[in-house]
Amino acid sequence: MKAAEIDEDGNWIHEGEKIPLVGSTIPVPDTARLRGEPEQQEVLYMTTALVKYDNCLSCNEHFDETYPCFVTEYGARMIPARCCDTFLWITEKIGEEYDGRNDA
């Protein structure tokens, strides 16, 4: 799956078929599982990336209302950044937000 294959309605377009991600189970990377949550997590709902972010955390391209943000059962958020074909994973450390980067 590539970020560019996720449409604005939250579907993964695979071999011409639309597969809804909400209700699906997806693998969540280690960087978004800071407290030992399971790797496979169900996507509970979709919102827009604009709820929290104006620009892509990877390439700084401006998000618009067509950029979805998926939230898993353990609170990991995934934004398929079609602008740079990157999946952005965001989670929360206790008391602070964490964007998956190891900035010191």
PDB file of N, CA and C in Angstrom:
ATOM      1  N   MET A   1       0.847  -1.173   0.000  1.00  0.00           N
ATOM      2  CA  MET A   1       0.000   0.000   0.000  1.00  0.00           C
ATOM      3  C   MET A   1       0.897   1.243   0.000  1.00  0.00           C
ATOM      4  N   LYS A   2       0.513   2.223  -0.796  1.00  0.00           N
ATOM      5  CA  LYS A   2       1.219   3.503  -0.857  1.00  0.00           C
ATOM      6  C   LYS A   2       0.254   4.608  -0.446  1.00  0.00           C
ATOM      7  N   ALA A   3       0.792   5.670   0.108  1.00  0.00           N
ATOM      8  CA  ALA A   3      -0.042   6.791   0.542  1.00  0.00           C
ATOM      9  C   ALA A   3      -0.844   7.360  -0.622  1.00  0.00           C
ATOM     10  N   ALA A   4      -0.253   7.404  -1.801  1.00  0.00           N
ATOM     11  CA  ALA A   4      -0.934   7.954  -2.973  1.00  0.00           C
ATOM     12  C   ALA A   4      -2.129   7.103  -3.403  1.00  0.00           C
ATOM     13  N   GLU A   5      -2.235   5.879  -2.897  1.00  0.00           N
ATOM     14  CA  GLU A   5      -3.341   4.982  -3.246  1.00  0.00           C
ATOM     15  C   GLU A   5      -4.552   5.133  -2.316  1.00  0.00           C
ATOM     16  N   ILE A   6      -4.473   6.052  -1.353  1.00  0.00           N
ATOM     17  CA  ILE A   6      -5.581   6.284  -0.421  1.00  0.00           C
ATOM     18  C   ILE A   6      -6.351   7.513  -0.896  1.00  0.00           C
ATOM     19  N   ASP A   7      -7.635   7.339  -1.175  1.00  0.00           N
ATOM     20  CA  ASP A   7      -8.411   8.478  -1.674  1.00  0.00           C
ATOM     21  C   ASP A   7      -8.962   9.314  -0.522  1.00  0.00           C
ATOM     22  N   GLU A   8      -9.595  10.429  -0.881  1.00  0.00           N
ATOM     23  CA  GLU A   8     -10.089  11.364   0.132  1.00  0.00           C
ATOM     24  C   GLU A   8     -11.255  10.812   0.937  1.00  0.00           C
ATOM     25  N   ASP A   9     -11.862   9.726   0.468  1.00  0.00           N
ATOM     26  CA  ASP A   9     -12.958   9.100   1.195  1.00  0.00           C
ATOM     27  C   ASP A   9     -12.485   7.984   2.128  1.00  0.00           C
ATOM     28  N   GLY A  10     -11.164   7.781   2.201  1.00  0.00           N
ATOM     29  CA  GLY A  10     -10.619   6.778   3.118  1.00  0.00           C
ATOM     30  C   GLY A  10     -10.547   5.384   2.556  1.00  0.00           C
ATOM     31  N   ASN A  11     -10.563   5.282   1.243  1.00  0.00           N
ATOM     32  CA  ASN A  11     -10.452   3.980   0.585  1.00  0.00           C
ATOM     33  C   ASN A  11      -9.053   3.765   0.041  1.00  0.00           C
ATOM     34  N   TRP A  12      -8.591   2.545   0.148  1.00  0.00           N
ATOM     35  CA  TRP A  12      -7.346   2.134  -0.505  1.00  0.00           C
ATOM     36  C   TRP A  12      -7.758   1.624  -1.878  1.00  0.00           C
ATOM     37  N   ILE A  13      -7.222   2.225  -2.913  1.00  0.00           N
ATOM     38  CA  ILE A  13      -7.524   1.816  -4.281  1.00  0.00           C
ATOM     39  C   ILE A  13      -6.478   0.774  -4.676  1.00  0.00           C
ATOM     40  N   HIS A  14      -6.907  -0.485  -4.715  1.00  0.00           N
ATOM     41  CA  HIS A  14      -6.007  -1.600  -4.997  1.00  0.00           C
ATOM     42  C   HIS A  14      -6.537  -2.398  -6.175  1.00  0.00           C
ATOM     43  N   GLU A  15      -5.749  -2.417  -7.250  1.00  0.00           N
ATOM     44  CA  GLU A  15      -6.125  -3.136  -8.473  1.00  0.00           C
ATOM     45  C   GLU A  15      -7.529  -2.762  -8.918  1.00  0.00           C
ATOM     46  N   GLY A  16      -7.846  -1.462  -8.857  1.00  0.00           N
ATOM     47  CA  GLY A  16      -9.137  -0.949  -9.305  1.00  0.00           C
ATOM     48  C   GLY A  16     -10.272  -1.108  -8.318  1.00  0.00           C
ATOM     49  N   GLU A  17     -10.032  -1.755  -7.198  1.00  0.00           N
ATOM     50  CA  GLU A  17     -11.060  -1.976  -6.180  1.00  0.00           C
ATOM     51  C   GLU A  17     -10.869  -0.986  -5.032  1.00  0.00           C
ATOM     52  N   LYS A  18     -11.975  -0.464  -4.499  1.00  0.00           N
ATOM     53  CA  LYS A  18     -11.939   0.436  -3.344  1.00  0.00           C
ATOM     54  C   LYS A  18     -12.120  -0.382  -2.074  1.00  0.00           C
ATOM     55  N   ILE A  19     -11.113  -0.323  -1.200  1.00  0.00           N
ATOM     56  CA  ILE A  19     -11.163  -1.054   0.071  1.00  0.00           C
ATOM     57  C   ILE A  19     -11.187  -0.021   1.204  1.00  0.00           C
ATOM     58  N   PRO A  20     -12.306   0.089   1.923  1.00  0.00           N
ATOM     59  CA  PRO A  20     -12.387   1.071   3.009  1.00  0.00           C
ATOM     60  C   PRO A  20     -11.413   0.724   4.130  1.00  0.00           C
ATOM     61  N   LEU A  21     -10.686   1.728   4.609  1.00  0.00           N
ATOM     62  CA  LEU A  21      -9.746   1.492   5.709  1.00  0.00           C
ATOM     63  C   LEU A  21     -10.435   1.532   7.072  1.00  0.00           C
ATOM     64  N   VAL A  22     -11.482   2.337   7.217  1.00  0.00           N
ATOM     65  CA  VAL A  22     -12.205   2.354   8.490  1.00  0.00           C
ATOM     66  C   VAL A  22     -12.849   0.981   8.669  1.00  0.00           C
ATOM     67  N   GLY A  23     -12.565   0.359   9.804  1.00  0.00           N
ATOM     68  CA  GLY A  23     -13.042  -0.986  10.094  1.00  0.00           C
ATOM     69  C   GLY A  23     -12.034  -2.058   9.724  1.00  0.00           C
ATOM     70  N   SER A  24     -10.986  -1.674   8.986  1.00  0.00           N
ATOM     71  CA  SER A  24      -9.934  -2.620   8.615  1.00  0.00           C
ATOM     72  C   SER A  24      -8.865  -2.671   9.697  1.00  0.00           C
ATOM     73  N   THR A  25      -8.096  -3.736   9.696  1.00  0.00           N
ATOM     74  CA  THR A  25      -6.951  -3.865  10.592  1.00  0.00           C
ATOM     75  C   THR A  25      -5.698  -3.601   9.775  1.00  0.00           C
ATOM     76  N   ILE A  26      -4.846  -2.719  10.301  1.00  0.00           N
ATOM     77  CA  ILE A  26      -3.629  -2.332   9.590  1.00  0.00           C
ATOM     78  C   ILE A  26      -2.418  -2.492  10.499  1.00  0.00           C
ATOM     79  N   PRO A  27      -1.230  -2.683   9.909  1.00  0.00           N
ATOM     80  CA  PRO A  27      -0.013  -2.731  10.729  1.00  0.00           C
ATOM     81  C   PRO A  27       0.412  -1.313  11.127  1.00  0.00           C
ATOM     82  N   VAL A  28       0.776  -1.153  12.380  1.00  0.00           N
ATOM     83  CA  VAL A  28       1.207   0.140  12.916  1.00  0.00           C
ATOM     84  C   VAL A  28       2.692   0.026  13.244  1.00  0.00           C
ATOM     85  N   PRO A  29       3.527   0.946  12.732  1.00  0.00           N
ATOM     86  CA  PRO A  29       4.970   0.845  12.979  1.00  0.00           C
ATOM     87  C   PRO A  29       5.348   1.068  14.443  1.00  0.00           C
ATOM     88  N   ASP A  30       6.539   0.613  14.792  1.00  0.00           N
ATOM     89  CA  ASP A  30       7.045   0.761  16.161  1.00  0.00           C
ATOM     90  C   ASP A  30       6.996   2.203  16.651  1.00  0.00           C
ATOM     91  N   THR A  31       7.284   3.160  15.765  1.00  0.00           N
ATOM     92  CA  THR A  31       7.336   4.571  16.164  1.00  0.00           C
ATOM     93  C   THR A  31       5.989   5.101  16.618  1.00  0.00           C
ATOM     94  N   ALA A  32       4.912   4.403  16.301  1.00  0.00           N
ATOM     95  CA  ALA A  32       3.576   4.824  16.724  1.00  0.00           C
ATOM     96  C   ALA A  32       3.010   3.896  17.791  1.00  0.00           C
ATOM     97  N   ARG A  33       3.871   3.049  18.356  1.00  0.00           N
ATOM     98  CA  ARG A  33       3.456   2.118  19.422  1.00  0.00           C
ATOM     99  C   ARG A  33       4.414   2.277  20.596  1.00  0.00           C
ATOM    100  N   LEU A  34       4.374   3.415  21.234  1.00  0.00           N
ATOM    101  CA  LEU A  34       5.352   3.760  22.267  1.00  0.00           C
ATOM    102  C   LEU A  34       5.153   3.035  23.587  1.00  0.00           C
ATOM    103  N   ARG A  35       3.966   2.489  23.801  1.00  0.00           N
ATOM    104  CA  ARG A  35       3.677   1.829  25.078  1.00  0.00           C
ATOM    105  C   ARG A  35       3.416   0.339  24.889  1.00  0.00           C
ATOM    106  N   GLY A  36       3.939  -0.226  23.800  1.00  0.00           N
ATOM    107  CA  GLY A  36       3.816  -1.657  23.582  1.00  0.00           C
ATOM    108  C   GLY A  36       2.478  -2.121  23.035  1.00  0.00           C
ATOM    109  N   GLU A  37       1.735  -1.219  22.404  1.00  0.00           N
ATOM    110  CA  GLU A  37       0.469  -1.595  21.798  1.00  0.00           C
ATOM    111  C   GLU A  37       0.711  -2.632  20.701  1.00  0.00           C
ATOM    112  N   PRO A  38      -0.316  -3.389  20.333  1.00  0.00           N
ATOM    113  CA  PRO A  38      -0.140  -4.413  19.295  1.00  0.00           C
ATOM    114  C   PRO A  38       0.169  -3.802  17.931  1.00  0.00           C
ATOM    115  N   GLU A  39       0.884  -4.566  17.120  1.00  0.00           N
ATOM    116  CA  GLU A  39       1.234  -4.086  15.781  1.00  0.00           C
ATOM    117  C   GLU A  39      -0.010  -3.976  14.898  1.00  0.00           C
ATOM    118  N   GLN A  40      -0.876  -4.952  14.940  1.00  0.00           N
ATOM    119  CA  GLN A  40      -2.104  -4.939  14.134  1.00  0.00           C
ATOM    120  C   GLN A  40      -3.203  -4.219  14.914  1.00  0.00           C
ATOM    121  N   GLN A  41      -3.723  -3.126  14.340  1.00  0.00           N
ATOM    122  CA  GLN A  41      -4.752  -2.343  15.023  1.00  0.00           C
ATOM    123  C   GLN A  41      -5.887  -2.008  14.059  1.00  0.00           C
ATOM    124  N   GLU A  42      -7.098  -1.979  14.607  1.00  0.00           N
ATOM    125  CA  GLU A  42      -8.265  -1.627  13.794  1.00  0.00           C
ATOM    126  C   GLU A  42      -8.359  -0.115  13.636  1.00  0.00           C
ATOM    127  N   VAL A  43      -8.704   0.335  12.441  1.00  0.00           N
ATOM    128  CA  VAL A  43      -8.969   1.750  12.191  1.00  0.00           C
ATOM    129  C   VAL A  43     -10.402   2.016  12.638  1.00  0.00           C
ATOM    130  N   LEU A  44     -10.561   2.898  13.637  1.00  0.00           N
ATOM    131  CA  LEU A  44     -11.888   3.160  14.197  1.00  0.00           C
ATOM    132  C   LEU A  44     -12.646   4.241  13.443  1.00  0.00           C
ATOM    133  N   TYR A  45     -11.937   5.298  13.057  1.00  0.00           N
ATOM    134  CA  TYR A  45     -12.620   6.372  12.336  1.00  0.00           C
ATOM    135  C   TYR A  45     -11.630   7.187  11.523  1.00  0.00           C
ATOM    136  N   MET A  46     -12.201   8.021  10.667  1.00  0.00           N
ATOM    137  CA  MET A  46     -11.414   8.898   9.818  1.00  0.00           C
ATOM    138  C   MET A  46     -11.883  10.331  10.034  1.00  0.00           C
ATOM    139  N   THR A  47     -10.937  11.234  10.048  1.00  0.00           N
ATOM    140  CA  THR A  47     -11.222  12.659  10.098  1.00  0.00           C
ATOM    141  C   THR A  47     -10.340  13.304   9.028  1.00  0.00           C
ATOM    142  N   THR A  48     -10.179  14.580   9.061  1.00  0.00           N
ATOM    143  CA  THR A  48      -9.295  15.253   8.116  1.00  0.00           C
ATOM    144  C   THR A  48      -7.988  15.628   8.809  1.00  0.00           C
ATOM    145  N   ALA A  49      -6.903  15.592   8.065  1.00  0.00           N
ATOM    146  CA  ALA A  49      -5.608  15.980   8.629  1.00  0.00           C
ATOM    147  C   ALA A  49      -5.629  17.425   9.105  1.00  0.00           C
ATOM    148  N   LEU A  50      -6.497  18.232   8.524  1.00  0.00           N
ATOM    149  CA  LEU A  50      -6.575  19.653   8.893  1.00  0.00           C
ATOM    150  C   LEU A  50      -7.061  19.877  10.317  1.00  0.00           C
ATOM    151  N   VAL A  51      -7.602  18.840  10.961  1.00  0.00           N
ATOM    152  CA  VAL A  51      -8.033  18.979  12.351  1.00  0.00           C
ATOM    153  C   VAL A  51      -6.846  19.390  13.216  1.00  0.00           C
ATOM    154  N   LYS A  52      -5.654  18.873  12.895  1.00  0.00           N
ATOM    155  CA  LYS A  52      -4.471  19.189  13.707  1.00  0.00           C
ATOM    156  C   LYS A  52      -3.320  19.800  12.921  1.00  0.00           C
ATOM    157  N   TYR A  53      -3.252  19.565  11.618  1.00  0.00           N
ATOM    158  CA  TYR A  53      -2.070  19.966  10.853  1.00  0.00           C
ATOM    159  C   TYR A  53      -2.455  20.742   9.603  1.00  0.00           C
ATOM    160  N   ASP A  54      -1.738  21.825   9.357  1.00  0.00           N
ATOM    161  CA  ASP A  54      -1.945  22.597   8.136  1.00  0.00           C
ATOM    162  C   ASP A  54      -1.034  22.123   7.018  1.00  0.00           C
ATOM    163  N   ASN A  55       0.148  21.628   7.403  1.00  0.00           N
ATOM    164  CA  ASN A  55       1.156  21.238   6.420  1.00  0.00           C
ATOM    165  C   ASN A  55       1.686  19.837   6.696  1.00  0.00           C
ATOM    166  N   CYS A  56       2.183  19.211   5.642  1.00  0.00           N
ATOM    167  CA  CYS A  56       2.791  17.889   5.747  1.00  0.00           C
ATOM    168  C   CYS A  56       4.037  17.960   6.623  1.00  0.00           C
ATOM    169  N   LEU A  57       4.162  17.023   7.542  1.00  0.00           N
ATOM    170  CA  LEU A  57       5.321  16.977   8.427  1.00  0.00           C
ATOM    171  C   LEU A  57       6.572  16.485   7.703  1.00  0.00           C
ATOM    172  N   SER A  58       6.406  15.938   6.509  1.00  0.00           N
ATOM    173  CA  SER A  58       7.535  15.422   5.746  1.00  0.00           C
ATOM    174  C   SER A  58       8.043  16.426   4.709  1.00  0.00           C
ATOM    175  N   CYS A  59       7.138  16.954   3.871  1.00  0.00           N
ATOM    176  CA  CYS A  59       7.584  17.835   2.774  1.00  0.00           C
ATOM    177  C   CYS A  59       7.101  19.270   2.922  1.00  0.00           C
ATOM    178  N   ASN A  60       6.300  19.556   3.933  1.00  0.00           N
ATOM    179  CA  ASN A  60       5.770  20.880   4.249  1.00  0.00           C
ATOM    180  C   ASN A  60       4.726  21.382   3.247  1.00  0.00           C
ATOM    181  N   GLU A  61       4.254  20.520   2.362  1.00  0.00           N
ATOM    182  CA  GLU A  61       3.177  20.889   1.434  1.00  0.00           C
ATOM    183  C   GLU A  61       1.915  21.181   2.245  1.00  0.00           C
ATOM    184  N   HIS A  62       1.130  22.147   1.775  1.00  0.00           N
ATOM    185  CA  HIS A  62      -0.103  22.504   2.483  1.00  0.00           C
ATOM    186  C   HIS A  62      -1.145  21.403   2.321  1.00  0.00           C
ATOM    187  N   PHE A  63      -1.736  20.964   3.426  1.00  0.00           N
ATOM    188  CA  PHE A  63      -2.834  20.016   3.380  1.00  0.00           C
ATOM    189  C   PHE A  63      -4.110  20.759   2.999  1.00  0.00           C
ATOM    190  N   ASP A  64      -5.018  20.055   2.346  1.00  0.00           N
ATOM    191  CA  ASP A  64      -6.361  20.582   2.141  1.00  0.00           C
ATOM    192  C   ASP A  64      -7.350  19.577   2.720  1.00  0.00           C
ATOM    193  N   GLU A  65      -8.627  19.829   2.532  1.00  0.00           N
ATOM    194  CA  GLU A  65      -9.651  18.980   3.154  1.00  0.00           C
ATOM    195  C   GLU A  65      -9.693  17.565   2.601  1.00  0.00           C
ATOM    196  N   THR A  66      -8.963  17.295   1.515  1.00  0.00           N
ATOM    197  CA  THR A  66      -8.968  15.946   0.936  1.00  0.00           C
ATOM    198  C   THR A  66      -7.958  15.009   1.584  1.00  0.00           C
ATOM    199  N   TYR A  67      -7.149  15.501   2.517  1.00  0.00           N
ATOM    200  CA  TYR A  67      -6.157  14.651   3.189  1.00  0.00           C
ATOM    201  C   TYR A  67      -6.784  14.020   4.425  1.00  0.00           C
ATOM    202  N   PRO A  68      -7.003  12.696   4.403  1.00  0.00           N
ATOM    203  CA  PRO A  68      -7.613  12.048   5.560  1.00  0.00           C
ATOM    204  C   PRO A  68      -6.607  11.793   6.681  1.00  0.00           C
ATOM    205  N   CYS A  69      -7.150  11.581   7.856  1.00  0.00           N
ATOM    206  CA  CYS A  69      -6.370  11.155   9.013  1.00  0.00           C
ATOM    207  C   CYS A  69      -7.156  10.014   9.649  1.00  0.00           C
ATOM    208  N   PHE A  70      -6.515   8.860   9.792  1.00  0.00           N
ATOM    209  CA  PHE A  70      -7.148   7.674  10.353  1.00  0.00           C
ATOM    210  C   PHE A  70      -6.697   7.494  11.790  1.00  0.00           C
ATOM    211  N   VAL A  71      -7.609   7.098  12.654  1.00  0.00           N
ATOM    212  CA  VAL A  71      -7.307   6.887  14.076  1.00  0.00           C
ATOM    213  C   VAL A  71      -7.573   5.428  14.407  1.00  0.00           C
ATOM    214  N   THR A  72      -6.565   4.787  15.008  1.00  0.00           N
ATOM    215  CA  THR A  72      -6.688   3.377  15.359  1.00  0.00           C
ATOM    216  C   THR A  72      -7.245   3.211  16.772  1.00  0.00           C
ATOM    217  N   GLU A  73      -7.559   1.973  17.105  1.00  0.00           N
ATOM    218  CA  GLU A  73      -8.151   1.655  18.409  1.00  0.00           C
ATOM    219  C   GLU A  73      -7.258   2.028  19.588  1.00  0.00           C
ATOM    220  N   TYR A  74      -5.956   2.148  19.368  1.00  0.00           N
ATOM    221  CA  TYR A  74      -5.044   2.524  20.457  1.00  0.00           C
ATOM    222  C   TYR A  74      -4.561   3.964  20.332  1.00  0.00           C
ATOM    223  N   GLY A  75      -5.207   4.735  19.449  1.00  0.00           N
ATOM    224  CA  GLY A  75      -4.926   6.167  19.368  1.00  0.00           C
ATOM    225  C   GLY A  75      -3.838   6.590  18.402  1.00  0.00           C
ATOM    226  N   ALA A  76      -3.237   5.661  17.684  1.00  0.00           N
ATOM    227  CA  ALA A  76      -2.255   6.058  16.662  1.00  0.00           C
ATOM    228  C   ALA A  76      -3.017   6.724  15.519  1.00  0.00           C
ATOM    229  N   ARG A  77      -2.430   7.769  14.966  1.00  0.00           N
ATOM    230  CA  ARG A  77      -3.040   8.454  13.830  1.00  0.00           C
ATOM    231  C   ARG A  77      -2.143   8.277  12.606  1.00  0.00           C
ATOM    232  N   MET A  78      -2.764   7.993  11.474  1.00  0.00           N
ATOM    233  CA  MET A  78      -2.032   7.828  10.232  1.00  0.00           C
ATOM    234  C   MET A  78      -2.588   8.813   9.203  1.00  0.00           C
ATOM    235  N   ILE A  79      -1.687   9.606   8.642  1.00  0.00           N
ATOM    236  CA  ILE A  79      -2.057  10.515   7.562  1.00  0.00           C
ATOM    237  C   ILE A  79      -1.339  10.041   6.304  1.00  0.00           C
ATOM    238  N   PRO A  80      -2.088   9.604   5.293  1.00  0.00           N
ATOM    239  CA  PRO A  80      -1.443   9.266   4.031  1.00  0.00           C
ATOM    240  C   PRO A  80      -1.176  10.557   3.264  1.00  0.00           C
ATOM    241  N   ALA A  81       0.058  11.006   3.309  1.00  0.00           N
ATOM    242  CA  ALA A  81       0.446  12.268   2.665  1.00  0.00           C
ATOM    243  C   ALA A  81       0.696  11.999   1.180  1.00  0.00           C
ATOM    244  N   ARG A  82      -0.347  12.188   0.395  1.00  0.00           N
ATOM    245  CA  ARG A  82      -0.236  11.959  -1.046  1.00  0.00           C
ATOM    246  C   ARG A  82       0.767  12.909  -1.684  1.00  0.00           C
ATOM    247  N   CYS A  83       0.982  14.067  -1.087  1.00  0.00           N
ATOM    248  CA  CYS A  83       1.896  15.070  -1.630  1.00  0.00           C
ATOM    249  C   CYS A  83       3.306  14.519  -1.816  1.00  0.00           C
ATOM    250  N   CYS A  84       3.757  13.660  -0.909  1.00  0.00           N
ATOM    251  CA  CYS A  84       5.107  13.084  -0.995  1.00  0.00           C
ATOM    252  C   CYS A  84       5.075  11.567  -0.888  1.00  0.00           C
ATOM    253  N   ASP A  85       3.876  10.980  -1.028  1.00  0.00           N
ATOM    254  CA  ASP A  85       3.658   9.534  -0.976  1.00  0.00           C
ATOM    255  C   ASP A  85       4.296   8.907   0.264  1.00  0.00           C
ATOM    256  N   THR A  86       4.001   9.519   1.418  1.00  0.00           N
ATOM    257  CA  THR A  86       4.549   9.094   2.702  1.00  0.00           C
ATOM    258  C   THR A  86       3.402   8.885   3.694  1.00  0.00           C
ATOM    259  N   PHE A  87       3.504   7.847   4.508  1.00  0.00           N
ATOM    260  CA  PHE A  87       2.566   7.685   5.609  1.00  0.00           C
ATOM    261  C   PHE A  87       3.152   8.394   6.828  1.00  0.00           C
ATOM    262  N   LEU A  88       2.407   9.329   7.354  1.00  0.00           N
ATOM    263  CA  LEU A  88       2.815  10.026   8.575  1.00  0.00           C
ATOM    264  C   LEU A  88       2.095   9.359   9.738  1.00  0.00           C
ATOM    265  N   TRP A  89       2.865   8.913  10.716  1.00  0.00           N
ATOM    266  CA  TRP A  89       2.302   8.273  11.902  1.00  0.00           C
ATOM    267  C   TRP A  89       2.505   9.188  13.090  1.00  0.00           C
ATOM    268  N   ILE A  90       1.438   9.473  13.794  1.00  0.00           N
ATOM    269  CA  ILE A  90       1.487  10.348  14.956  1.00  0.00           C
ATOM    270  C   ILE A  90       0.849   9.603  16.119  1.00  0.00           C
ATOM    271  N   THR A  91       1.464   9.719  17.278  1.00  0.00           N
ATOM    272  CA  THR A  91       0.893   9.138  18.486  1.00  0.00           C
ATOM    273  C   THR A  91       1.146  10.116  19.614  1.00  0.00           C
ATOM    274  N   GLU A  92       0.734   9.788  20.789  1.00  0.00           N
ATOM    275  CA  GLU A  92       0.940  10.684  21.913  1.00  0.00           C
ATOM    276  C   GLU A  92       1.747  10.001  22.993  1.00  0.00           C
ATOM    277  N   LYS A  93       2.837  10.651  23.366  1.00  0.00           N
ATOM    278  CA  LYS A  93       3.536  10.242  24.569  1.00  0.00           C
ATOM    279  C   LYS A  93       2.658  10.690  25.723  1.00  0.00           C
ATOM    280  N   ILE A  94       2.927  10.200  26.891  1.00  0.00           N
ATOM    281  CA  ILE A  94       2.143  10.643  28.038  1.00  0.00           C
ATOM    282  C   ILE A  94       2.382  12.134  28.221  1.00  0.00           C
ATOM    283  N   GLY A  95       1.322  12.911  28.059  1.00  0.00           N
ATOM    284  CA  GLY A  95       1.390  14.343  28.257  1.00  0.00           C
ATOM    285  C   GLY A  95       1.871  15.158  27.074  1.00  0.00           C
ATOM    286  N   GLU A  96       2.291  14.526  25.976  1.00  0.00           N
ATOM    287  CA  GLU A  96       2.729  15.305  24.829  1.00  0.00           C
ATOM    288  C   GLU A  96       2.551  14.513  23.541  1.00  0.00           C
ATOM    289  N   GLU A  97       2.410  15.249  22.460  1.00  0.00           N
ATOM    290  CA  GLU A  97       2.248  14.612  21.167  1.00  0.00           C
ATOM    291  C   GLU A  97       3.609  14.192  20.629  1.00  0.00           C
ATOM    292  N   TYR A  98       3.660  13.115  19.895  1.00  0.00           N
ATOM    293  CA  TYR A  98       4.899  12.599  19.326  1.00  0.00           C
ATOM    294  C   TYR A  98       4.650  12.269  17.879  1.00  0.00           C
ATOM    295  N   ASP A  99       5.502  12.773  16.978  1.00  0.00           N
ATOM    296  CA  ASP A  99       5.295  12.591  15.549  1.00  0.00           C
ATOM    297  C   ASP A  99       6.115  11.469  14.942  1.00  0.00           C
ATOM    298  N   GLY A 100       6.708  10.609  15.760  1.00  0.00           N
ATOM    299  CA  GLY A 100       7.441   9.459  15.244  1.00  0.00           C
ATOM    300  C   GLY A 100       8.879   9.740  14.897  1.00  0.00           C
ATOM    301  N   ARG A 101       9.306  10.984  14.975  1.00  0.00           N
ATOM    302  CA  ARG A 101      10.687  11.314  14.666  1.00  0.00           C
ATOM    303  C   ARG A 101      11.522  11.262  15.936  1.00  0.00           C
ATOM    304  N   ASN A 102      12.790  10.963  15.798  1.00  0.00           N
ATOM    305  CA  ASN A 102      13.687  10.867  16.944  1.00  0.00           C
ATOM    306  C   ASN A 102      14.511  12.138  17.109  1.00  0.00           C
ATOM    307  N   ASP A 103      13.837  13.288  17.108  1.00  0.00           N
ATOM    308  CA  ASP A 103      14.545  14.565  17.294  1.00  0.00           C
ATOM    309  C   ASP A 103      14.999  14.686  18.743  1.00  0.00           C
ATOM    310  N   ALA A 104      16.213  15.090  18.930  1.00  0.00           N
ATOM    311  CA  ALA A 104      16.724  15.245  20.288  1.00  0.00           C
ATOM    312  C   ALA A 104      16.651  16.681  20.734  1.00  0.00           C
TER     313      ALA A 104
END
